[in-house]
N, C-alpha and C. Protein backbone atom coordinates (compact mmCIF):
# COMPACT_ATOMS: atom_id res chain seq x y z
N MET A 1 7.00 14.21 20.10
CA MET A 1 6.40 13.05 19.59
C MET A 1 7.11 12.50 18.63
N SER A 2 7.27 11.14 18.62
CA SER A 2 8.10 10.39 17.79
C SER A 2 7.50 10.22 16.31
N LYS A 3 8.28 10.35 15.30
CA LYS A 3 7.76 10.15 13.95
C LYS A 3 7.62 8.66 13.60
N PHE A 4 8.00 7.74 14.59
CA PHE A 4 7.65 6.23 14.16
C PHE A 4 6.65 5.70 15.03
N THR A 5 5.95 4.62 14.59
CA THR A 5 5.06 3.76 15.38
C THR A 5 5.66 2.40 15.51
N GLU A 6 5.73 1.80 16.73
CA GLU A 6 6.28 0.55 16.72
C GLU A 6 4.86 -0.43 16.45
N VAL A 7 5.46 -1.35 15.59
CA VAL A 7 4.46 -2.44 14.99
C VAL A 7 5.24 -3.90 15.13
N THR A 8 4.33 -4.90 15.10
CA THR A 8 4.79 -6.23 15.24
C THR A 8 4.64 -7.05 13.89
N ILE A 9 5.64 -7.65 13.47
CA ILE A 9 5.53 -8.59 12.33
C ILE A 9 4.60 -9.77 12.67
N VAL A 10 3.56 -9.97 11.80
CA VAL A 10 2.61 -11.03 11.97
C VAL A 10 2.73 -12.20 11.02
N ASN A 11 3.47 -11.91 9.97
CA ASN A 11 3.79 -12.88 9.09
C ASN A 11 4.87 -12.54 8.12
N LYS A 12 5.64 -13.52 7.79
CA LYS A 12 6.85 -13.34 6.83
C LYS A 12 6.89 -14.58 5.97
N ILE A 13 7.01 -14.35 4.44
CA ILE A 13 7.07 -15.40 3.57
C ILE A 13 8.23 -15.02 2.61
N GLN A 14 8.92 -15.89 2.33
CA GLN A 14 9.98 -15.72 1.28
C GLN A 14 9.35 -16.41 -0.09
N ILE A 15 9.29 -15.40 -1.09
CA ILE A 15 8.71 -15.69 -2.30
C ILE A 15 9.55 -15.95 -3.51
N ALA A 16 10.92 -15.75 -3.33
CA ALA A 16 11.91 -15.89 -4.20
C ALA A 16 13.30 -15.81 -3.72
N ASN A 17 14.18 -16.15 -4.38
CA ASN A 17 15.61 -15.98 -3.74
C ASN A 17 15.87 -14.69 -3.27
N LYS A 18 16.14 -14.40 -2.02
CA LYS A 18 16.35 -13.28 -1.31
C LYS A 18 15.27 -12.16 -1.51
N VAL A 19 14.19 -12.57 -1.69
CA VAL A 19 12.93 -11.67 -1.83
C VAL A 19 11.85 -12.11 -0.73
N PHE A 20 11.42 -11.17 -0.01
CA PHE A 20 10.37 -11.68 1.14
C PHE A 20 9.17 -10.54 1.07
N VAL A 21 8.14 -11.08 1.70
CA VAL A 21 7.08 -10.26 2.13
C VAL A 21 6.81 -10.45 3.62
N ILE A 22 6.81 -9.22 4.33
CA ILE A 22 6.40 -9.19 5.68
C ILE A 22 5.08 -8.56 5.80
N GLU A 23 4.37 -8.91 6.88
CA GLU A 23 3.12 -8.35 7.10
C GLU A 23 2.93 -7.91 8.48
N ILE A 24 2.38 -6.62 8.54
CA ILE A 24 1.93 -6.00 9.88
C ILE A 24 0.36 -5.98 10.01
N LYS A 25 -0.16 -5.86 11.19
CA LYS A 25 -1.66 -5.56 11.31
C LYS A 25 -1.94 -4.23 10.74
N ARG A 26 -3.11 -4.31 9.85
CA ARG A 26 -3.28 -2.81 9.34
C ARG A 26 -4.22 -2.07 10.28
N GLU A 27 -3.61 -0.93 10.74
CA GLU A 27 -4.45 -0.14 11.69
C GLU A 27 -4.50 1.32 11.24
N PHE A 28 -4.37 1.47 9.82
CA PHE A 28 -4.73 2.81 9.27
C PHE A 28 -4.95 2.63 7.89
N SER A 29 -5.58 3.60 7.38
CA SER A 29 -6.13 3.63 5.92
C SER A 29 -4.92 4.23 4.97
N PHE A 30 -5.13 3.60 3.68
CA PHE A 30 -4.13 4.04 2.72
C PHE A 30 -4.72 3.96 1.33
N LYS A 31 -4.16 4.55 0.37
CA LYS A 31 -4.57 4.59 -0.91
C LYS A 31 -3.53 3.66 -1.70
N PRO A 32 -3.93 2.68 -2.61
CA PRO A 32 -3.13 1.93 -3.25
C PRO A 32 -2.02 2.74 -4.05
N GLY A 33 -0.79 2.28 -3.95
CA GLY A 33 0.32 3.11 -4.54
C GLY A 33 1.10 3.94 -3.42
N GLN A 34 0.56 3.99 -2.29
CA GLN A 34 1.31 4.88 -1.30
C GLN A 34 2.52 4.07 -0.65
N ILE A 35 3.29 4.65 0.22
CA ILE A 35 4.49 4.12 0.67
C ILE A 35 4.48 4.39 2.19
N ILE A 36 5.17 3.62 2.91
CA ILE A 36 5.54 3.90 4.19
C ILE A 36 7.03 3.68 4.49
N GLY A 37 7.62 4.20 5.43
CA GLY A 37 9.08 4.20 5.75
C GLY A 37 9.14 3.09 6.85
N ILE A 38 10.19 2.21 6.77
CA ILE A 38 10.35 1.14 7.68
C ILE A 38 11.92 1.28 8.29
N THR A 39 12.05 0.84 9.55
CA THR A 39 13.33 0.89 10.13
C THR A 39 13.35 -0.17 11.18
N MET A 40 14.54 -0.82 11.49
CA MET A 40 14.65 -1.80 12.70
C MET A 40 14.77 -1.17 13.97
N SER A 41 15.08 0.24 14.02
CA SER A 41 15.36 0.92 15.09
C SER A 41 14.95 2.37 15.20
N PRO A 42 14.13 3.03 15.96
CA PRO A 42 13.93 4.32 15.75
C PRO A 42 15.04 5.39 15.80
N LYS A 43 16.20 4.95 16.17
CA LYS A 43 17.34 5.70 15.84
C LYS A 43 18.00 5.70 14.65
N GLN A 44 17.50 4.75 13.67
CA GLN A 44 17.94 4.77 12.36
C GLN A 44 17.12 5.38 11.35
N ASN A 45 17.44 5.89 10.15
CA ASN A 45 16.76 6.46 9.18
C ASN A 45 15.97 5.34 8.56
N PRO A 46 14.72 5.60 8.29
CA PRO A 46 13.81 4.72 7.57
C PRO A 46 14.15 4.50 6.07
N ARG A 47 13.83 3.40 5.54
CA ARG A 47 13.65 3.28 3.94
C ARG A 47 12.34 3.16 3.61
N LEU A 48 12.04 3.79 2.36
CA LEU A 48 10.56 3.75 2.01
C LEU A 48 10.22 2.75 1.18
N TYR A 49 9.20 2.10 1.23
CA TYR A 49 8.56 0.96 0.63
C TYR A 49 7.09 1.18 0.13
N SER A 50 6.85 0.71 -1.03
CA SER A 50 5.36 0.87 -1.37
C SER A 50 4.56 -0.26 -0.59
N ILE A 51 3.38 -0.02 -0.17
CA ILE A 51 2.38 -0.93 0.41
C ILE A 51 2.26 -1.99 -0.62
N CYS A 52 2.28 -3.28 -0.33
CA CYS A 52 1.96 -4.22 -1.34
C CYS A 52 0.70 -5.23 -0.75
N SER A 53 -0.18 -4.63 -0.50
CA SER A 53 -1.61 -5.44 -0.17
C SER A 53 -2.94 -4.48 -0.53
N GLY A 54 -3.92 -5.13 -0.51
CA GLY A 54 -5.14 -4.33 -0.87
C GLY A 54 -5.58 -3.41 0.29
N ASN A 55 -6.21 -2.37 -0.13
CA ASN A 55 -6.49 -1.51 1.00
C ASN A 55 -7.77 -1.95 1.85
N ASN A 56 -8.25 -3.14 1.73
CA ASN A 56 -9.27 -3.71 2.53
C ASN A 56 -8.85 -4.97 3.21
N GLU A 57 -7.59 -5.32 2.96
CA GLU A 57 -7.09 -6.61 3.58
C GLU A 57 -6.77 -6.07 5.18
N HIS A 58 -6.80 -7.31 6.05
CA HIS A 58 -6.53 -7.17 7.46
C HIS A 58 -5.17 -6.63 7.74
N ASN A 59 -4.24 -7.10 6.85
CA ASN A 59 -2.65 -6.89 7.10
C ASN A 59 -2.11 -5.91 6.13
N ILE A 60 -1.12 -5.23 6.47
CA ILE A 60 -0.22 -4.49 5.49
C ILE A 60 1.02 -5.22 5.06
N SER A 61 1.28 -5.45 3.87
CA SER A 61 2.19 -6.16 3.20
C SER A 61 3.32 -5.47 2.63
N ILE A 62 4.43 -5.86 2.91
CA ILE A 62 5.78 -5.01 2.27
C ILE A 62 6.75 -6.09 1.53
N LEU A 63 6.85 -5.69 0.30
CA LEU A 63 7.86 -6.61 -0.58
C LEU A 63 9.19 -5.92 -0.56
N PHE A 64 10.15 -6.81 -0.39
CA PHE A 64 11.61 -6.26 -0.39
C PHE A 64 12.56 -7.50 -0.88
N ASN A 65 13.61 -6.94 -1.42
CA ASN A 65 14.82 -7.88 -1.64
C ASN A 65 15.87 -7.68 -0.74
N ILE A 66 16.71 -8.63 -0.40
CA ILE A 66 17.94 -8.38 0.37
C ILE A 66 18.95 -7.64 -0.35
N LYS A 67 19.47 -6.60 0.20
CA LYS A 67 20.70 -5.93 -0.44
C LYS A 67 21.81 -6.34 0.62
N ASP A 68 22.85 -7.03 0.13
CA ASP A 68 23.83 -7.66 1.03
C ASP A 68 24.41 -6.59 1.78
N ASP A 69 24.66 -5.40 1.23
CA ASP A 69 25.45 -4.38 1.97
C ASP A 69 24.41 -3.30 2.68
N GLY A 70 23.26 -3.72 2.61
CA GLY A 70 22.18 -2.79 3.23
C GLY A 70 22.21 -2.85 4.76
N GLU A 71 21.76 -1.65 5.18
CA GLU A 71 21.64 -1.66 6.72
C GLU A 71 20.25 -2.31 7.37
N LEU A 72 19.25 -2.29 6.41
CA LEU A 72 17.92 -2.70 6.70
C LEU A 72 17.56 -3.87 6.38
N THR A 73 17.68 -4.18 5.02
CA THR A 73 17.14 -5.46 4.41
C THR A 73 17.61 -6.84 5.06
N PRO A 74 18.90 -7.06 5.32
CA PRO A 74 19.58 -8.25 5.98
C PRO A 74 18.97 -8.52 7.22
N PRO A 75 18.77 -7.58 8.30
CA PRO A 75 18.17 -7.91 9.57
C PRO A 75 16.65 -7.94 9.36
N LEU A 76 16.10 -7.32 8.44
CA LEU A 76 14.62 -7.38 8.18
C LEU A 76 14.26 -8.79 7.74
N ALA A 77 15.10 -9.33 6.93
CA ALA A 77 14.92 -10.76 6.33
C ALA A 77 15.11 -11.77 7.51
N ALA A 78 15.97 -11.56 8.34
CA ALA A 78 16.22 -12.43 9.42
C ALA A 78 15.18 -12.31 10.51
N ALA A 79 14.41 -11.26 10.49
CA ALA A 79 13.50 -10.91 11.67
C ALA A 79 12.32 -12.13 11.67
N ASN A 80 11.75 -12.36 12.76
CA ASN A 80 10.78 -13.55 12.98
C ASN A 80 9.50 -12.86 13.35
N ILE A 81 8.37 -13.75 13.17
CA ILE A 81 7.05 -13.12 13.55
C ILE A 81 7.14 -12.98 15.00
N GLY A 82 6.44 -11.84 15.39
CA GLY A 82 6.47 -11.48 16.79
C GLY A 82 7.53 -10.23 17.06
N ASP A 83 8.48 -10.21 16.10
CA ASP A 83 9.45 -9.16 16.32
C ASP A 83 9.05 -7.75 15.94
N LYS A 84 9.59 -6.75 16.59
CA LYS A 84 9.30 -5.29 16.38
C LYS A 84 9.82 -4.63 15.33
N ILE A 85 9.33 -3.68 14.62
CA ILE A 85 9.92 -2.82 13.63
C ILE A 85 9.15 -1.71 13.82
N TRP A 86 9.76 -0.45 13.23
CA TRP A 86 9.02 0.72 13.27
C TRP A 86 8.69 1.36 11.83
N ILE A 87 7.51 2.06 11.91
CA ILE A 87 7.19 2.43 10.59
C ILE A 87 6.71 4.01 10.69
N THR A 88 6.72 4.62 9.61
CA THR A 88 6.28 6.19 9.43
C THR A 88 4.85 6.12 9.21
N LYS A 89 4.40 7.36 9.02
CA LYS A 89 2.99 7.48 8.52
C LYS A 89 3.10 7.26 6.95
N VAL A 90 1.86 6.86 6.61
CA VAL A 90 1.67 6.61 5.04
C VAL A 90 1.78 7.96 4.27
N GLN A 91 2.42 7.88 3.17
CA GLN A 91 2.64 9.03 2.31
C GLN A 91 2.68 8.76 0.84
N GLY A 92 3.01 9.58 0.00
CA GLY A 92 3.05 9.12 -1.53
C GLY A 92 2.14 9.53 -2.42
N LYS A 93 2.26 9.87 -3.55
CA LYS A 93 1.28 10.40 -4.57
C LYS A 93 1.25 9.52 -5.79
N PHE A 94 1.75 8.34 -5.82
CA PHE A 94 1.73 7.38 -6.96
C PHE A 94 0.46 6.66 -6.93
N ILE A 95 -0.64 7.45 -7.10
CA ILE A 95 -2.01 7.02 -7.17
C ILE A 95 -2.61 6.70 -8.51
N PHE A 96 -3.29 5.63 -8.68
CA PHE A 96 -4.08 5.30 -9.80
C PHE A 96 -5.11 6.22 -9.98
N ASN A 97 -5.25 6.81 -11.08
CA ASN A 97 -6.53 7.79 -11.33
C ASN A 97 -7.73 7.07 -11.83
N ASN A 98 -7.64 5.67 -12.17
CA ASN A 98 -8.63 4.97 -12.65
C ASN A 98 -8.97 5.23 -14.03
N LYS A 99 -8.21 6.07 -14.86
CA LYS A 99 -8.27 6.24 -16.19
C LYS A 99 -7.61 5.20 -17.12
N PRO A 100 -7.87 5.05 -18.37
CA PRO A 100 -7.27 3.83 -19.01
C PRO A 100 -5.72 4.22 -19.03
N SER A 101 -5.01 3.03 -18.63
CA SER A 101 -3.57 3.15 -18.30
C SER A 101 -2.70 1.80 -18.46
N TRP A 102 -1.46 1.89 -18.75
CA TRP A 102 -0.58 0.92 -18.65
C TRP A 102 0.26 0.86 -17.51
N TRP A 103 0.36 -0.27 -16.91
CA TRP A 103 1.31 -0.35 -15.70
C TRP A 103 2.51 -1.05 -16.04
N ILE A 104 3.62 -0.46 -15.95
CA ILE A 104 4.96 -1.13 -16.17
C ILE A 104 6.04 -0.97 -15.02
N ALA A 105 6.37 -2.29 -14.76
CA ALA A 105 7.28 -2.65 -13.44
C ALA A 105 8.43 -3.33 -13.80
N THR A 106 9.44 -3.35 -12.98
CA THR A 106 10.54 -4.14 -12.84
C THR A 106 10.81 -4.63 -11.35
N GLY A 107 11.20 -5.80 -11.03
CA GLY A 107 11.61 -6.14 -9.75
C GLY A 107 10.57 -5.90 -8.81
N THR A 108 10.80 -5.33 -7.59
CA THR A 108 10.08 -5.14 -6.53
C THR A 108 9.19 -3.92 -6.81
N GLY A 109 9.44 -3.36 -7.91
CA GLY A 109 8.43 -2.05 -8.42
C GLY A 109 7.26 -2.71 -8.70
N ILE A 110 6.86 -3.79 -8.60
CA ILE A 110 5.46 -4.24 -8.87
C ILE A 110 4.50 -4.19 -7.74
N ALA A 111 5.32 -3.91 -6.51
CA ALA A 111 4.56 -3.83 -5.26
C ALA A 111 3.20 -2.93 -5.41
N PRO A 112 3.49 -1.72 -5.87
CA PRO A 112 2.28 -0.77 -5.83
C PRO A 112 1.10 -1.22 -6.81
N PHE A 113 1.36 -1.85 -7.74
CA PHE A 113 0.58 -2.28 -8.88
C PHE A 113 -0.18 -3.56 -8.24
N TYR A 114 0.65 -4.38 -7.44
CA TYR A 114 -0.06 -5.43 -6.80
C TYR A 114 -1.20 -5.06 -5.75
N SER A 115 -0.79 -3.76 -4.94
CA SER A 115 -1.80 -3.18 -4.05
C SER A 115 -2.81 -2.61 -4.93
N MET A 116 -2.68 -2.02 -6.02
CA MET A 116 -3.82 -1.52 -6.87
C MET A 116 -4.67 -2.44 -7.27
N PHE A 117 -4.18 -3.55 -7.87
CA PHE A 117 -4.98 -4.74 -8.28
C PHE A 117 -5.66 -5.49 -7.30
N LYS A 118 -5.22 -5.53 -6.20
CA LYS A 118 -5.77 -6.37 -5.05
C LYS A 118 -6.83 -5.48 -4.17
N SER A 119 -6.85 -4.14 -4.71
CA SER A 119 -7.93 -3.17 -4.14
C SER A 119 -9.03 -2.95 -5.32
N GLY A 120 -8.87 -3.84 -6.25
CA GLY A 120 -10.04 -3.80 -7.35
C GLY A 120 -9.72 -2.95 -8.52
N GLN A 121 -8.66 -2.38 -8.81
CA GLN A 121 -8.11 -1.56 -9.86
C GLN A 121 -7.41 -2.20 -10.88
N GLN A 122 -7.63 -1.98 -12.04
CA GLN A 122 -7.07 -2.73 -13.12
C GLN A 122 -6.50 -1.87 -14.23
N PRO A 123 -5.45 -2.22 -14.92
CA PRO A 123 -5.07 -1.45 -16.10
C PRO A 123 -5.53 -1.98 -17.42
N LEU A 124 -5.24 -1.21 -18.48
CA LEU A 124 -5.46 -1.88 -19.83
C LEU A 124 -4.46 -2.93 -20.16
N LYS A 125 -3.34 -2.64 -19.66
CA LYS A 125 -2.07 -3.62 -19.77
C LYS A 125 -1.25 -3.64 -18.74
N LEU A 126 -0.73 -4.83 -18.39
CA LEU A 126 0.46 -4.84 -17.41
C LEU A 126 1.66 -5.48 -17.99
N ILE A 127 2.88 -4.66 -17.84
CA ILE A 127 4.05 -5.28 -18.39
C ILE A 127 5.10 -5.25 -17.35
N GLN A 128 5.47 -6.67 -17.01
CA GLN A 128 6.36 -6.81 -15.83
C GLN A 128 7.62 -7.42 -16.47
N GLY A 129 8.80 -6.73 -15.88
CA GLY A 129 10.21 -7.12 -16.40
C GLY A 129 11.13 -7.71 -15.35
N GLY A 130 11.91 -8.45 -15.74
CA GLY A 130 12.88 -9.04 -14.81
C GLY A 130 13.81 -10.02 -15.76
N ARG A 131 15.05 -10.52 -14.98
CA ARG A 131 15.91 -11.38 -15.58
C ARG A 131 15.24 -12.75 -15.85
N LEU A 132 14.60 -13.44 -15.00
CA LEU A 132 14.11 -14.68 -14.86
C LEU A 132 12.70 -14.80 -14.39
N LYS A 133 12.00 -15.84 -14.97
CA LYS A 133 10.55 -16.00 -14.44
C LYS A 133 10.41 -15.91 -13.11
N THR A 134 11.28 -16.50 -12.32
CA THR A 134 11.04 -16.30 -10.85
C THR A 134 11.17 -14.91 -10.39
N ASP A 135 11.54 -13.86 -11.30
CA ASP A 135 11.54 -12.41 -10.79
C ASP A 135 10.10 -11.89 -11.18
N MET A 136 9.38 -12.55 -11.77
CA MET A 136 7.82 -12.21 -11.98
C MET A 136 6.86 -12.44 -10.89
N TYR A 137 7.21 -11.52 -9.68
CA TYR A 137 6.50 -11.73 -8.41
C TYR A 137 5.03 -11.55 -8.60
N PHE A 138 4.23 -12.32 -8.03
CA PHE A 138 2.65 -12.45 -8.08
C PHE A 138 2.07 -12.80 -9.37
N SER A 139 3.07 -13.30 -10.47
CA SER A 139 2.45 -13.48 -11.93
C SER A 139 1.29 -14.56 -11.74
N ASN A 140 1.29 -15.33 -10.74
CA ASN A 140 0.12 -16.18 -10.65
C ASN A 140 -1.24 -15.53 -10.36
N VAL A 141 -1.18 -14.36 -9.80
CA VAL A 141 -2.46 -13.59 -9.48
C VAL A 141 -2.63 -12.64 -10.68
N PHE A 142 -1.52 -12.02 -11.28
CA PHE A 142 -1.79 -11.17 -12.41
C PHE A 142 -2.17 -11.81 -13.75
N LYS A 143 -2.04 -13.27 -13.72
CA LYS A 143 -2.58 -14.01 -14.89
C LYS A 143 -3.97 -13.74 -15.14
N GLU A 144 -4.77 -13.29 -14.05
CA GLU A 144 -6.19 -12.96 -14.16
C GLU A 144 -6.51 -11.86 -15.07
N LEU A 145 -5.53 -10.96 -15.44
CA LEU A 145 -5.74 -9.94 -16.24
C LEU A 145 -5.69 -10.40 -17.68
N SER A 146 -6.43 -9.70 -18.55
CA SER A 146 -6.72 -10.15 -19.88
C SER A 146 -5.47 -9.77 -20.84
N ASN A 147 -4.72 -8.75 -20.37
CA ASN A 147 -3.52 -8.37 -21.07
C ASN A 147 -2.42 -8.11 -20.08
N TYR A 148 -1.63 -9.19 -20.02
CA TYR A 148 -0.42 -9.28 -19.04
C TYR A 148 0.66 -9.84 -19.92
N VAL A 149 1.91 -9.04 -19.75
CA VAL A 149 2.99 -9.49 -20.57
C VAL A 149 4.24 -9.53 -19.44
N ARG A 150 4.97 -10.78 -19.69
CA ARG A 150 6.16 -10.72 -18.74
C ARG A 150 7.44 -10.82 -19.68
N CYS A 151 8.36 -9.93 -19.34
CA CYS A 151 9.57 -9.82 -20.13
C CYS A 151 10.84 -10.18 -19.52
N CYS A 152 11.37 -11.39 -20.00
CA CYS A 152 12.46 -11.95 -19.41
C CYS A 152 13.74 -11.89 -20.09
N SER A 153 14.70 -11.13 -19.64
CA SER A 153 16.01 -10.85 -20.26
C SER A 153 16.82 -12.23 -20.42
N GLN A 154 16.75 -13.08 -19.31
CA GLN A 154 17.70 -14.22 -19.39
C GLN A 154 16.81 -15.60 -19.23
N ASP A 155 15.77 -15.56 -19.67
CA ASP A 155 14.82 -16.70 -19.45
C ASP A 155 14.04 -17.08 -20.75
N LYS A 156 13.48 -18.27 -20.99
CA LYS A 156 12.91 -18.44 -22.22
C LYS A 156 11.66 -19.31 -21.85
N GLY A 157 10.66 -19.23 -22.77
CA GLY A 157 9.27 -20.05 -22.51
C GLY A 157 8.13 -19.40 -23.60
N ASP A 158 7.34 -20.37 -23.81
CA ASP A 158 6.20 -19.87 -24.83
C ASP A 158 5.38 -18.62 -24.17
N ASP A 159 5.36 -18.58 -22.94
CA ASP A 159 4.38 -17.68 -22.29
C ASP A 159 5.16 -16.31 -21.93
N ILE A 160 6.33 -16.17 -22.38
CA ILE A 160 6.94 -14.66 -22.06
C ILE A 160 7.57 -14.06 -23.25
N PHE A 161 7.92 -12.86 -23.14
CA PHE A 161 8.50 -12.16 -24.12
C PHE A 161 10.16 -12.38 -23.73
N GLU A 162 10.81 -12.91 -24.71
CA GLU A 162 12.30 -13.31 -24.42
C GLU A 162 13.07 -12.09 -24.72
N GLY A 163 13.16 -11.15 -23.84
CA GLY A 163 14.14 -9.96 -23.98
C GLY A 163 13.71 -8.97 -22.74
N ARG A 164 14.47 -7.82 -22.80
CA ARG A 164 14.36 -6.74 -21.79
C ARG A 164 13.05 -5.98 -22.14
N LEU A 165 12.50 -5.49 -20.89
CA LEU A 165 11.29 -4.84 -21.14
C LEU A 165 11.48 -3.43 -22.01
N THR A 166 12.61 -3.06 -22.07
CA THR A 166 12.87 -1.71 -22.89
C THR A 166 12.79 -2.37 -24.45
N LYS A 167 13.13 -3.55 -24.84
CA LYS A 167 13.15 -4.18 -25.99
C LYS A 167 11.73 -4.23 -26.48
N TYR A 168 10.80 -4.85 -25.48
CA TYR A 168 9.52 -5.14 -25.89
C TYR A 168 8.76 -3.86 -26.21
N ILE A 169 8.98 -2.63 -25.29
CA ILE A 169 8.21 -1.25 -25.50
C ILE A 169 8.75 -0.75 -26.78
N GLY A 170 10.12 -0.86 -26.99
CA GLY A 170 10.70 -0.29 -28.40
C GLY A 170 10.26 -0.91 -29.58
N ASP A 171 9.95 -2.16 -29.52
CA ASP A 171 9.37 -2.94 -30.73
C ASP A 171 7.97 -2.66 -31.03
N LEU A 172 7.08 -2.07 -30.03
CA LEU A 172 5.80 -1.74 -30.24
C LEU A 172 5.55 -0.72 -31.29
N ASN A 173 4.54 -0.87 -32.21
CA ASN A 173 4.20 0.03 -33.15
C ASN A 173 2.85 0.73 -32.71
N ASN A 174 2.70 2.24 -32.87
CA ASN A 174 1.46 2.59 -32.61
C ASN A 174 0.84 2.52 -31.29
N ILE A 175 1.77 2.70 -30.28
CA ILE A 175 1.18 2.58 -29.01
C ILE A 175 0.04 3.77 -28.68
N PRO A 176 -0.82 3.30 -27.67
CA PRO A 176 -1.86 4.53 -27.29
C PRO A 176 -1.12 5.80 -26.85
N THR A 177 -1.45 6.73 -27.37
CA THR A 177 -0.87 8.16 -26.79
C THR A 177 -1.85 8.91 -25.96
N ASN A 178 -3.12 8.46 -25.80
CA ASN A 178 -4.11 9.20 -25.33
C ASN A 178 -4.59 8.56 -23.96
N ILE A 179 -3.56 7.70 -23.30
CA ILE A 179 -3.77 7.10 -21.97
C ILE A 179 -2.59 7.37 -21.07
N ASP A 180 -2.78 7.08 -19.85
CA ASP A 180 -1.44 7.13 -19.00
C ASP A 180 -0.69 5.94 -18.81
N TYR A 181 0.51 6.16 -18.40
CA TYR A 181 1.58 5.23 -18.31
C TYR A 181 2.06 5.26 -16.88
N TYR A 182 1.96 4.24 -16.10
CA TYR A 182 2.66 4.22 -14.65
C TYR A 182 3.97 3.32 -14.73
N LEU A 183 5.02 3.95 -14.33
CA LEU A 183 6.18 3.29 -14.28
C LEU A 183 6.72 3.09 -12.86
N CYS A 184 6.98 1.90 -12.34
CA CYS A 184 7.58 1.68 -11.29
C CYS A 184 8.93 0.70 -11.21
N GLY A 185 10.03 1.17 -10.80
CA GLY A 185 11.23 0.23 -10.84
C GLY A 185 12.48 0.84 -10.72
N SER A 186 13.62 0.62 -11.10
CA SER A 186 14.92 1.28 -10.98
C SER A 186 14.75 2.61 -11.67
N THR A 187 15.92 3.21 -11.27
CA THR A 187 16.09 4.58 -11.84
C THR A 187 16.30 4.43 -13.54
N ASP A 188 17.20 3.39 -13.84
CA ASP A 188 17.53 3.27 -15.23
C ASP A 188 16.26 2.86 -16.05
N MET A 189 15.45 1.84 -15.44
CA MET A 189 14.36 1.43 -16.09
C MET A 189 13.30 2.45 -16.33
N VAL A 190 13.15 3.47 -15.48
CA VAL A 190 12.22 4.43 -15.56
C VAL A 190 12.55 5.39 -16.52
N VAL A 191 13.90 5.92 -16.47
CA VAL A 191 14.33 6.79 -17.41
C VAL A 191 14.25 6.43 -18.81
N ASP A 192 14.64 5.11 -19.06
CA ASP A 192 14.72 4.57 -20.31
C ASP A 192 13.33 4.29 -21.06
N ILE A 193 12.29 3.84 -20.23
CA ILE A 193 11.14 3.62 -20.72
C ILE A 193 10.37 5.04 -20.89
N ARG A 194 10.61 5.95 -19.95
CA ARG A 194 10.05 7.24 -20.31
C ARG A 194 10.50 7.86 -21.63
N LYS A 195 11.69 7.79 -21.86
CA LYS A 195 12.27 8.24 -23.03
C LYS A 195 11.73 7.67 -24.27
N LEU A 196 11.47 6.18 -24.17
CA LEU A 196 10.98 5.57 -25.24
C LEU A 196 9.53 6.10 -25.44
N LEU A 197 8.85 6.11 -24.30
CA LEU A 197 7.28 6.44 -24.58
C LEU A 197 7.10 7.91 -25.03
N ILE A 198 8.10 8.79 -24.79
CA ILE A 198 8.01 10.17 -25.31
C ILE A 198 8.40 10.12 -26.73
N LYS A 199 9.22 9.49 -27.18
CA LYS A 199 9.84 9.21 -28.55
C LYS A 199 8.60 8.66 -29.38
N LYS A 200 7.74 7.76 -28.69
CA LYS A 200 6.48 7.13 -29.36
C LYS A 200 5.34 8.20 -29.37
N GLY A 201 5.62 9.34 -28.82
CA GLY A 201 4.30 10.20 -29.02
C GLY A 201 3.61 10.49 -27.68
N VAL A 202 3.88 9.77 -26.68
CA VAL A 202 3.17 9.95 -25.27
C VAL A 202 3.75 11.31 -24.60
N GLY A 203 2.75 12.05 -24.17
CA GLY A 203 2.87 13.29 -23.40
C GLY A 203 3.79 12.99 -22.18
N PHE A 204 4.49 13.89 -21.63
CA PHE A 204 5.18 13.82 -20.55
C PHE A 204 4.48 13.71 -19.34
N ASN A 205 3.19 14.67 -19.25
CA ASN A 205 2.37 14.56 -18.21
C ASN A 205 1.59 13.33 -18.19
N ASN A 206 1.72 12.40 -19.23
CA ASN A 206 0.84 11.11 -19.23
C ASN A 206 1.62 10.04 -18.56
N ILE A 207 2.88 10.41 -18.19
CA ILE A 207 3.89 9.33 -17.60
C ILE A 207 3.90 9.69 -16.10
N ILE A 208 3.56 8.64 -15.30
CA ILE A 208 3.60 8.76 -13.79
C ILE A 208 4.70 7.77 -13.23
N THR A 209 5.56 8.39 -12.41
CA THR A 209 6.61 7.36 -12.07
C THR A 209 6.91 7.41 -10.78
N GLU A 210 7.42 6.18 -10.28
CA GLU A 210 7.95 5.98 -8.91
C GLU A 210 9.24 5.12 -9.03
N ILE A 211 10.39 5.70 -8.45
CA ILE A 211 11.63 5.14 -8.57
C ILE A 211 12.06 4.41 -7.37
N TYR A 212 12.52 3.10 -7.45
CA TYR A 212 13.23 2.48 -6.36
C TYR A 212 14.73 2.41 -6.35
N PHE A 213 15.27 2.78 -5.25
CA PHE A 213 16.65 3.11 -5.06
C PHE A 213 17.22 1.80 -4.57
């Protein structure tokens, strides 16, 4: 039995430079924060992506950015509605426990949090980092949150923190130590923020991570 299921792309949207969302029909259940593997051919190894849609929506969405030297993302970005791709079964343990928490993300690492939010879950605070305002994917939706911070390392504006996400966290005094912290993004970001949180008194077991390669 094949480990892949053939599915059809039903929608594709470019949301920023080299950043896309593709959609397939939802024919399985999942928990917000979980992942699926995607490949353009069942003969190729899949890449893992967080589901980027609510668990009651009709379609499954996947957020990705083009890696110019990648095997998957350039042809995936060039694919059209009606084209076939192959996916694995849903998996992953980056699941929100509905306890008081902060969500912290950079880049496409925002995907699982978008899924959680669209599924009716909310954090005490969402901190999103990137170089530019255009890297703040889904910010128009997250603005509904009462405590939403955007950190831009190379952009300015009255509604953003002008600096890296690590600087924002590092400058905070007396952050809550009795809540959970969910981190999703690059290896460097996750490692750096985890070190900062631990230094500020957050327990290792209160930090839940998902790394994007």
